Amino acid sequence: MARIRSVVVGPAVVFGVLMLAPGRAQAGTGWIVSCNYSQSSSDDPIVFPGEPGAAHLHDFIGAQTTNASSTVESLRAGGTN
């Protein structure tokens, strides 16, 4: 009998947790960050590092110095808007 009870209670508990968790996350966590448009270019320092114009058009926000050769260090050293 204990085995049947665990099979029936287990899914009910999991379903209850899944139904409650999103409501809690939406109501109590998160933040809003507002970053302004900076520039558009066909550079992608992640997929095509060091290859200016090799990618499709990207819109960049926040960092003002983003280009094909951007690194974490260069972005931190550059300005933001």
PDB file of N, CA and C in Angstrom:
ATOM      1  N   MET A   1       0.818  -1.191   0.000  1.00  0.00           N
ATOM      2  CA  MET A   1       0.000   0.000   0.000  1.00  0.00           C
ATOM      3  C   MET A   1       0.863   1.255   0.000  1.00  0.00           C
ATOM      4  N   ALA A   2       1.969   1.219   0.701  1.00  0.00           N
ATOM      5  CA  ALA A   2       2.855   2.388   0.755  1.00  0.00           C
ATOM      6  C   ALA A   2       3.411   2.704  -0.619  1.00  0.00           C
ATOM      7  N   ARG A   3       3.639   1.689  -1.409  1.00  0.00           N
ATOM      8  CA  ARG A   3       4.186   1.897  -2.743  1.00  0.00           C
ATOM      9  C   ARG A   3       3.188   2.649  -3.628  1.00  0.00           C
ATOM     10  N   ILE A   4       1.939   2.303  -3.583  1.00  0.00           N
ATOM     11  CA  ILE A   4       0.909   2.973  -4.378  1.00  0.00           C
ATOM     12  C   ILE A   4       0.762   4.420  -3.914  1.00  0.00           C
ATOM     13  N   ARG A   5       0.802   4.656  -2.642  1.00  0.00           N
ATOM     14  CA  ARG A   5       0.673   6.008  -2.108  1.00  0.00           C
ATOM     15  C   ARG A   5       1.804   6.899  -2.623  1.00  0.00           C
ATOM     16  N   SER A   6       3.028   6.404  -2.655  1.00  0.00           N
ATOM     17  CA  SER A   6       4.146   7.228  -3.106  1.00  0.00           C
ATOM     18  C   SER A   6       4.038   7.548  -4.596  1.00  0.00           C
ATOM     19  N   VAL A   7       3.482   6.634  -5.373  1.00  0.00           N
ATOM     20  CA  VAL A   7       3.305   6.881  -6.801  1.00  0.00           C
ATOM     21  C   VAL A   7       2.242   7.942  -7.031  1.00  0.00           C
ATOM     22  N   VAL A   8       1.174   7.929  -6.243  1.00  0.00           N
ATOM     23  CA  VAL A   8       0.082   8.882  -6.403  1.00  0.00           C
ATOM     24  C   VAL A   8       0.463  10.242  -5.829  1.00  0.00           C
ATOM     25  N   VAL A   9       1.093  10.292  -4.673  1.00  0.00           N
ATOM     26  CA  VAL A   9       1.446  11.549  -4.023  1.00  0.00           C
ATOM     27  C   VAL A   9       2.600  12.226  -4.750  1.00  0.00           C
ATOM     28  N   GLY A  10       3.570  11.469  -5.243  1.00  0.00           N
ATOM     29  CA  GLY A  10       4.741  12.042  -5.922  1.00  0.00           C
ATOM     30  C   GLY A  10       4.383  12.978  -7.061  1.00  0.00           C
ATOM     31  N   PRO A  11       3.610  12.531  -8.052  1.00  0.00           N
ATOM     32  CA  PRO A  11       3.248  13.429  -9.153  1.00  0.00           C
ATOM     33  C   PRO A  11       2.417  14.619  -8.703  1.00  0.00           C
ATOM     34  N   ALA A  12       1.550  14.430  -7.704  1.00  0.00           N
ATOM     35  CA  ALA A  12       0.735  15.546  -7.210  1.00  0.00           C
ATOM     36  C   ALA A  12       1.619  16.613  -6.578  1.00  0.00           C
ATOM     37  N   VAL A  13       2.613  16.206  -5.823  1.00  0.00           N
ATOM     38  CA  VAL A  13       3.525  17.158  -5.191  1.00  0.00           C
ATOM     39  C   VAL A  13       4.337  17.888  -6.254  1.00  0.00           C
ATOM     40  N   VAL A  14       4.874  17.173  -7.220  1.00  0.00           N
ATOM     41  CA  VAL A  14       5.650  17.789  -8.297  1.00  0.00           C
ATOM     42  C   VAL A  14       4.791  18.778  -9.066  1.00  0.00           C
ATOM     43  N   PHE A  15       3.569  18.420  -9.393  1.00  0.00           N
ATOM     44  CA  PHE A  15       2.663  19.308 -10.112  1.00  0.00           C
ATOM     45  C   PHE A  15       2.392  20.569  -9.289  1.00  0.00           C
ATOM     46  N   GLY A  16       2.173  20.413  -8.001  1.00  0.00           N
ATOM     47  CA  GLY A  16       1.915  21.558  -7.131  1.00  0.00           C
ATOM     48  C   GLY A  16       3.098  22.505  -7.070  1.00  0.00           C
ATOM     49  N   VAL A  17       4.292  21.969  -6.967  1.00  0.00           N
ATOM     50  CA  VAL A  17       5.495  22.800  -6.933  1.00  0.00           C
ATOM     51  C   VAL A  17       5.672  23.537  -8.251  1.00  0.00           C
ATOM     52  N   LEU A  18       5.471  22.859  -9.362  1.00  0.00           N
ATOM     53  CA  LEU A  18       5.617  23.503 -10.661  1.00  0.00           C
ATOM     54  C   LEU A  18       4.582  24.600 -10.876  1.00  0.00           C
ATOM     55  N   MET A  19       3.396  24.410 -10.361  1.00  0.00           N
ATOM     56  CA  MET A  19       2.347  25.413 -10.525  1.00  0.00           C
ATOM     57  C   MET A  19       2.603  26.635  -9.645  1.00  0.00           C
ATOM     58  N   LEU A  20       3.197  26.460  -8.486  1.00  0.00           N
ATOM     59  CA  LEU A  20       3.433  27.571  -7.576  1.00  0.00           C
ATOM     60  C   LEU A  20       4.717  28.332  -7.888  1.00  0.00           C
ATOM     61  N   ALA A  21       5.741  27.658  -8.360  1.00  0.00           N
ATOM     62  CA  ALA A  21       7.047  28.288  -8.550  1.00  0.00           C
ATOM     63  C   ALA A  21       7.033  29.482  -9.505  1.00  0.00           C
ATOM     64  N   PRO A  22       6.408  29.400 -10.678  1.00  0.00           N
ATOM     65  CA  PRO A  22       6.442  30.557 -11.563  1.00  0.00           C
ATOM     66  C   PRO A  22       5.796  31.800 -10.967  1.00  0.00           C
ATOM     67  N   GLY A  23       4.714  31.649 -10.228  1.00  0.00           N
ATOM     68  CA  GLY A  23       4.060  32.793  -9.603  1.00  0.00           C
ATOM     69  C   GLY A  23       4.970  33.480  -8.594  1.00  0.00           C
ATOM     70  N   ARG A  24       5.682  32.714  -7.844  1.00  0.00           N
ATOM     71  CA  ARG A  24       6.603  33.278  -6.862  1.00  0.00           C
ATOM     72  C   ARG A  24       7.747  33.996  -7.563  1.00  0.00           C
ATOM     73  N   ALA A  25       8.283  33.405  -8.603  1.00  0.00           N
ATOM     74  CA  ALA A  25       9.406  34.017  -9.305  1.00  0.00           C
ATOM     75  C   ALA A  25       8.998  35.328  -9.956  1.00  0.00           C
ATOM     76  N   GLN A  26       7.821  35.378 -10.537  1.00  0.00           N
ATOM     77  CA  GLN A  26       7.371  36.591 -11.205  1.00  0.00           C
ATOM     78  C   GLN A  26       7.066  37.695 -10.204  1.00  0.00           C
ATOM     79  N   ALA A  27       6.564  37.348  -9.051  1.00  0.00           N
ATOM     80  CA  ALA A  27       6.133  38.356  -8.096  1.00  0.00           C
ATOM     81  C   ALA A  27       7.283  38.916  -7.278  1.00  0.00           C
ATOM     82  N   GLY A  28       8.339  38.135  -7.067  1.00  0.00           N
ATOM     83  CA  GLY A  28       9.344  38.580  -6.116  1.00  0.00           C
ATOM     84  C   GLY A  28      10.753  38.770  -6.640  1.00  0.00           C
ATOM     85  N   THR A  29      11.032  38.426  -7.867  1.00  0.00           N
ATOM     86  CA  THR A  29      12.408  38.539  -8.343  1.00  0.00           C
ATOM     87  C   THR A  29      12.459  39.283  -9.660  1.00  0.00           C
ATOM     88  N   GLY A  30      13.634  39.723 -10.024  1.00  0.00           N
ATOM     89  CA  GLY A  30      13.834  40.362 -11.306  1.00  0.00           C
ATOM     90  C   GLY A  30      14.338  41.787 -11.159  1.00  0.00           C
ATOM     91  N   TRP A  31      14.677  42.368 -12.279  1.00  0.00           N
ATOM     92  CA  TRP A  31      15.129  43.743 -12.308  1.00  0.00           C
ATOM     93  C   TRP A  31      14.897  44.301 -13.698  1.00  0.00           C
ATOM     94  N   ILE A  32      14.943  45.599 -13.808  1.00  0.00           N
ATOM     95  CA  ILE A  32      14.779  46.265 -15.097  1.00  0.00           C
ATOM     96  C   ILE A  32      16.053  47.039 -15.384  1.00  0.00           C
ATOM     97  N   VAL A  33      16.621  46.810 -16.547  1.00  0.00           N
ATOM     98  CA  VAL A  33      17.820  47.520 -16.969  1.00  0.00           C
ATOM     99  C   VAL A  33      17.481  48.251 -18.256  1.00  0.00           C
ATOM    100  N   SER A  34      17.778  49.521 -18.285  1.00  0.00           N
ATOM    101  CA  SER A  34      17.494  50.318 -19.473  1.00  0.00           C
ATOM    102  C   SER A  34      18.810  50.709 -20.131  1.00  0.00           C
ATOM    103  N   CYS A  35      19.061  50.163 -21.311  1.00  0.00           N
ATOM    104  CA  CYS A  35      20.268  50.487 -22.067  1.00  0.00           C
ATOM    105  C   CYS A  35      19.847  51.124 -23.383  1.00  0.00           C
ATOM    106  N   ASN A  36      20.482  52.203 -23.737  1.00  0.00           N
ATOM    107  CA  ASN A  36      20.144  52.910 -24.965  1.00  0.00           C
ATOM    108  C   ASN A  36      20.889  52.341 -26.164  1.00  0.00           C
ATOM    109  N   TYR A  37      20.306  52.542 -27.328  1.00  0.00           N
ATOM    110  CA  TYR A  37      20.920  52.143 -28.585  1.00  0.00           C
ATOM    111  C   TYR A  37      22.265  52.833 -28.718  1.00  0.00           C
ATOM    112  N   SER A  38      23.253  52.099 -29.176  1.00  0.00           N
ATOM    113  CA  SER A  38      24.593  52.645 -29.352  1.00  0.00           C
ATOM    114  C   SER A  38      24.957  52.761 -30.826  1.00  0.00           C
ATOM    115  N   GLN A  39      24.855  51.646 -31.548  1.00  0.00           N
ATOM    116  CA  GLN A  39      25.278  51.634 -32.945  1.00  0.00           C
ATOM    117  C   GLN A  39      24.801  50.370 -33.642  1.00  0.00           C
ATOM    118  N   SER A  40      24.898  50.352 -34.947  1.00  0.00           N
ATOM    119  CA  SER A  40      24.640  49.148 -35.748  1.00  0.00           C
ATOM    120  C   SER A  40      25.880  48.868 -36.574  1.00  0.00           C
ATOM    121  N   SER A  41      26.205  47.600 -36.720  1.00  0.00           N
ATOM    122  CA  SER A  41      27.320  47.226 -37.602  1.00  0.00           C
ATOM    123  C   SER A  41      27.204  45.748 -37.962  1.00  0.00           C
ATOM    124  N   SER A  42      27.970  45.356 -38.945  1.00  0.00           N
ATOM    125  CA  SER A  42      28.004  43.954 -39.373  1.00  0.00           C
ATOM    126  C   SER A  42      29.158  43.213 -38.715  1.00  0.00           C
ATOM    127  N   ASP A  43      29.507  43.633 -37.514  1.00  0.00           N
ATOM    128  CA  ASP A  43      30.564  42.976 -36.749  1.00  0.00           C
ATOM    129  C   ASP A  43      29.944  42.030 -35.733  1.00  0.00           C
ATOM    130  N   ASP A  44      30.609  40.912 -35.496  1.00  0.00           N
ATOM    131  CA  ASP A  44      30.198  39.971 -34.463  1.00  0.00           C
ATOM    132  C   ASP A  44      31.461  39.446 -33.790  1.00  0.00           C
ATOM    133  N   PRO A  45      31.855  40.081 -32.670  1.00  0.00           N
ATOM    134  CA  PRO A  45      33.101  39.686 -32.020  1.00  0.00           C
ATOM    135  C   PRO A  45      33.087  38.289 -31.407  1.00  0.00           C
ATOM    136  N   ILE A  46      31.923  37.660 -31.322  1.00  0.00           N
ATOM    137  CA  ILE A  46      31.841  36.312 -30.761  1.00  0.00           C
ATOM    138  C   ILE A  46      31.984  35.267 -31.865  1.00  0.00           C
ATOM    139  N   VAL A  47      31.222  35.405 -32.941  1.00  0.00           N
ATOM    140  CA  VAL A  47      31.233  34.414 -34.021  1.00  0.00           C
ATOM    141  C   VAL A  47      32.377  34.659 -35.000  1.00  0.00           C
ATOM    142  N   PHE A  48      32.651  35.932 -35.304  1.00  0.00           N
ATOM    143  CA  PHE A  48      33.711  36.292 -36.253  1.00  0.00           C
ATOM    144  C   PHE A  48      34.684  37.284 -35.620  1.00  0.00           C
ATOM    145  N   PRO A  49      35.417  36.859 -34.585  1.00  0.00           N
ATOM    146  CA  PRO A  49      36.327  37.799 -33.922  1.00  0.00           C
ATOM    147  C   PRO A  49      37.430  38.283 -34.856  1.00  0.00           C
ATOM    148  N   GLY A  50      37.649  39.592 -34.843  1.00  0.00           N
ATOM    149  CA  GLY A  50      38.714  40.178 -35.662  1.00  0.00           C
ATOM    150  C   GLY A  50      38.393  40.258 -37.140  1.00  0.00           C
ATOM    151  N   GLU A  51      37.145  40.001 -37.551  1.00  0.00           N
ATOM    152  CA  GLU A  51      36.754  40.046 -38.960  1.00  0.00           C
ATOM    153  C   GLU A  51      35.658  41.098 -39.165  1.00  0.00           C
ATOM    154  N   PRO A  52      36.030  42.367 -39.338  1.00  0.00           N
ATOM    155  CA  PRO A  52      35.029  43.422 -39.514  1.00  0.00           C
ATOM    156  C   PRO A  52      34.130  43.165 -40.724  1.00  0.00           C
ATOM    157  N   GLY A  53      32.833  43.354 -40.543  1.00  0.00           N
ATOM    158  CA  GLY A  53      31.871  43.221 -41.631  1.00  0.00           C
ATOM    159  C   GLY A  53      31.530  41.800 -42.035  1.00  0.00           C
ATOM    160  N   ALA A  54      31.971  40.800 -41.289  1.00  0.00           N
ATOM    161  CA  ALA A  54      31.760  39.405 -41.680  1.00  0.00           C
ATOM    162  C   ALA A  54      30.381  38.863 -41.299  1.00  0.00           C
ATOM    163  N   ALA A  55      29.633  39.571 -40.490  1.00  0.00           N
ATOM    164  CA  ALA A  55      28.357  39.064 -39.987  1.00  0.00           C
ATOM    165  C   ALA A  55      27.182  39.846 -40.567  1.00  0.00           C
ATOM    166  N   HIS A  56      25.985  39.401 -40.239  1.00  0.00           N
ATOM    167  CA  HIS A  56      24.800  40.175 -40.600  1.00  0.00           C
ATOM    168  C   HIS A  56      24.721  41.395 -39.680  1.00  0.00           C
ATOM    169  N   LEU A  57      23.829  42.304 -39.968  1.00  0.00           N
ATOM    170  CA  LEU A  57      23.716  43.547 -39.213  1.00  0.00           C
ATOM    171  C   LEU A  57      23.256  43.283 -37.780  1.00  0.00           C
ATOM    172  N   HIS A  58      23.972  43.878 -36.843  1.00  0.00           N
ATOM    173  CA  HIS A  58      23.635  43.789 -35.425  1.00  0.00           C
ATOM    174  C   HIS A  58      23.385  45.189 -34.884  1.00  0.00           C
ATOM    175  N   ASP A  59      22.443  45.314 -33.963  1.00  0.00           N
ATOM    176  CA  ASP A  59      22.234  46.546 -33.210  1.00  0.00           C
ATOM    177  C   ASP A  59      22.876  46.345 -31.847  1.00  0.00           C
ATOM    178  N   PHE A  60      23.725  47.267 -31.454  1.00  0.00           N
ATOM    179  CA  PHE A  60      24.399  47.178 -30.163  1.00  0.00           C
ATOM    180  C   PHE A  60      23.798  48.199 -29.213  1.00  0.00           C
ATOM    181  N   ILE A  61      23.654  47.799 -27.975  1.00  0.00           N
ATOM    182  CA  ILE A  61      23.139  48.694 -26.946  1.00  0.00           C
ATOM    183  C   ILE A  61      24.137  48.739 -25.800  1.00  0.00           C
ATOM    184  N   GLY A  62      24.153  49.851 -25.101  1.00  0.00           N
ATOM    185  CA  GLY A  62      25.021  49.971 -23.936  1.00  0.00           C
ATOM    186  C   GLY A  62      26.439  50.363 -24.295  1.00  0.00           C
ATOM    187  N   ALA A  63      27.258  49.418 -24.673  1.00  0.00           N
ATOM    188  CA  ALA A  63      28.670  49.682 -24.966  1.00  0.00           C
ATOM    189  C   ALA A  63      28.817  50.519 -26.233  1.00  0.00           C
ATOM    190  N   GLN A  64      29.641  51.546 -26.150  1.00  0.00           N
ATOM    191  CA  GLN A  64      29.846  52.436 -27.293  1.00  0.00           C
ATOM    192  C   GLN A  64      31.015  52.027 -28.177  1.00  0.00           C
ATOM    193  N   THR A  65      31.809  51.062 -27.740  1.00  0.00           N
ATOM    194  CA  THR A  65      33.032  50.718 -28.472  1.00  0.00           C
ATOM    195  C   THR A  65      32.992  49.340 -29.125  1.00  0.00           C
ATOM    196  N   THR A  66      31.832  48.712 -29.217  1.00  0.00           N
ATOM    197  CA  THR A  66      31.742  47.359 -29.757  1.00  0.00           C
ATOM    198  C   THR A  66      32.154  47.317 -31.219  1.00  0.00           C
ATOM    199  N   ASN A  67      33.047  46.398 -31.549  1.00  0.00           N
ATOM    200  CA  ASN A  67      33.458  46.164 -32.935  1.00  0.00           C
ATOM    201  C   ASN A  67      33.914  44.720 -33.060  1.00  0.00           C
ATOM    202  N   ALA A  68      34.418  44.349 -34.213  1.00  0.00           N
ATOM    203  CA  ALA A  68      34.800  42.953 -34.480  1.00  0.00           C
ATOM    204  C   ALA A  68      35.930  42.470 -33.577  1.00  0.00           C
ATOM    205  N   SER A  69      36.707  43.384 -33.043  1.00  0.00           N
ATOM    206  CA  SER A  69      37.842  43.007 -32.199  1.00  0.00           C
ATOM    207  C   SER A  69      37.572  43.189 -30.711  1.00  0.00           C
ATOM    208  N   SER A  70      36.328  43.396 -30.341  1.00  0.00           N
ATOM    209  CA  SER A  70      35.983  43.632 -28.936  1.00  0.00           C
ATOM    210  C   SER A  70      36.300  42.425 -28.066  1.00  0.00           C
ATOM    211  N   THR A  71      36.762  42.723 -26.876  1.00  0.00           N
ATOM    212  CA  THR A  71      37.008  41.711 -25.848  1.00  0.00           C
ATOM    213  C   THR A  71      36.315  42.199 -24.575  1.00  0.00           C
ATOM    214  N   VAL A  72      36.270  41.359 -23.578  1.00  0.00           N
ATOM    215  CA  VAL A  72      35.693  41.771 -22.304  1.00  0.00           C
ATOM    216  C   VAL A  72      36.443  42.997 -21.791  1.00  0.00           C
ATOM    217  N   GLU A  73      37.750  42.968 -21.878  1.00  0.00           N
ATOM    218  CA  GLU A  73      38.572  44.074 -21.389  1.00  0.00           C
ATOM    219  C   GLU A  73      38.317  45.362 -22.161  1.00  0.00           C
ATOM    220  N   SER A  74      38.229  45.279 -23.491  1.00  0.00           N
ATOM    221  CA  SER A  74      38.003  46.500 -24.284  1.00  0.00           C
ATOM    222  C   SER A  74      36.613  47.066 -24.044  1.00  0.00           C
ATOM    223  N   LEU A  75      35.636  46.203 -23.843  1.00  0.00           N
ATOM    224  CA  LEU A  75      34.285  46.689 -23.569  1.00  0.00           C
ATOM    225  C   LEU A  75      34.195  47.337 -22.194  1.00  0.00           C
ATOM    226  N   ARG A  76      34.885  46.769 -21.225  1.00  0.00           N
ATOM    227  CA  ARG A  76      34.892  47.382 -19.890  1.00  0.00           C
ATOM    228  C   ARG A  76      35.609  48.727 -19.892  1.00  0.00           C
ATOM    229  N   ALA A  77      36.649  48.856 -20.702  1.00  0.00           N
ATOM    230  CA  ALA A  77      37.415  50.103 -20.765  1.00  0.00           C
ATOM    231  C   ALA A  77      36.663  51.181 -21.558  1.00  0.00           C
ATOM    232  N   GLY A  78      35.786  50.783 -22.475  1.00  0.00           N
ATOM    233  CA  GLY A  78      35.037  51.743 -23.275  1.00  0.00           C
ATOM    234  C   GLY A  78      33.866  52.324 -22.514  1.00  0.00           C
ATOM    235  N   GLY A  79      33.272  53.348 -23.074  1.00  0.00           N
ATOM    236  CA  GLY A  79      32.154  53.998 -22.427  1.00  0.00           C
ATOM    237  C   GLY A  79      30.841  53.291 -22.691  1.00  0.00           C
ATOM    238  N   THR A  80      29.847  53.670 -21.923  1.00  0.00           N
ATOM    239  CA  THR A  80      28.484  53.166 -22.119  1.00  0.00           C
ATOM    240  C   THR A  80      27.538  54.343 -22.258  1.00  0.00           C
ATOM    241  N   ASN A  81      26.381  54.074 -22.769  1.00  0.00           N
ATOM    242  CA  ASN A  81      25.387  55.147 -22.824  1.00  0.00           C
ATOM    243  C   ASN A  81      24.237  54.740 -21.959  1.00  0.00           C
TER     244      ASN A  81
END
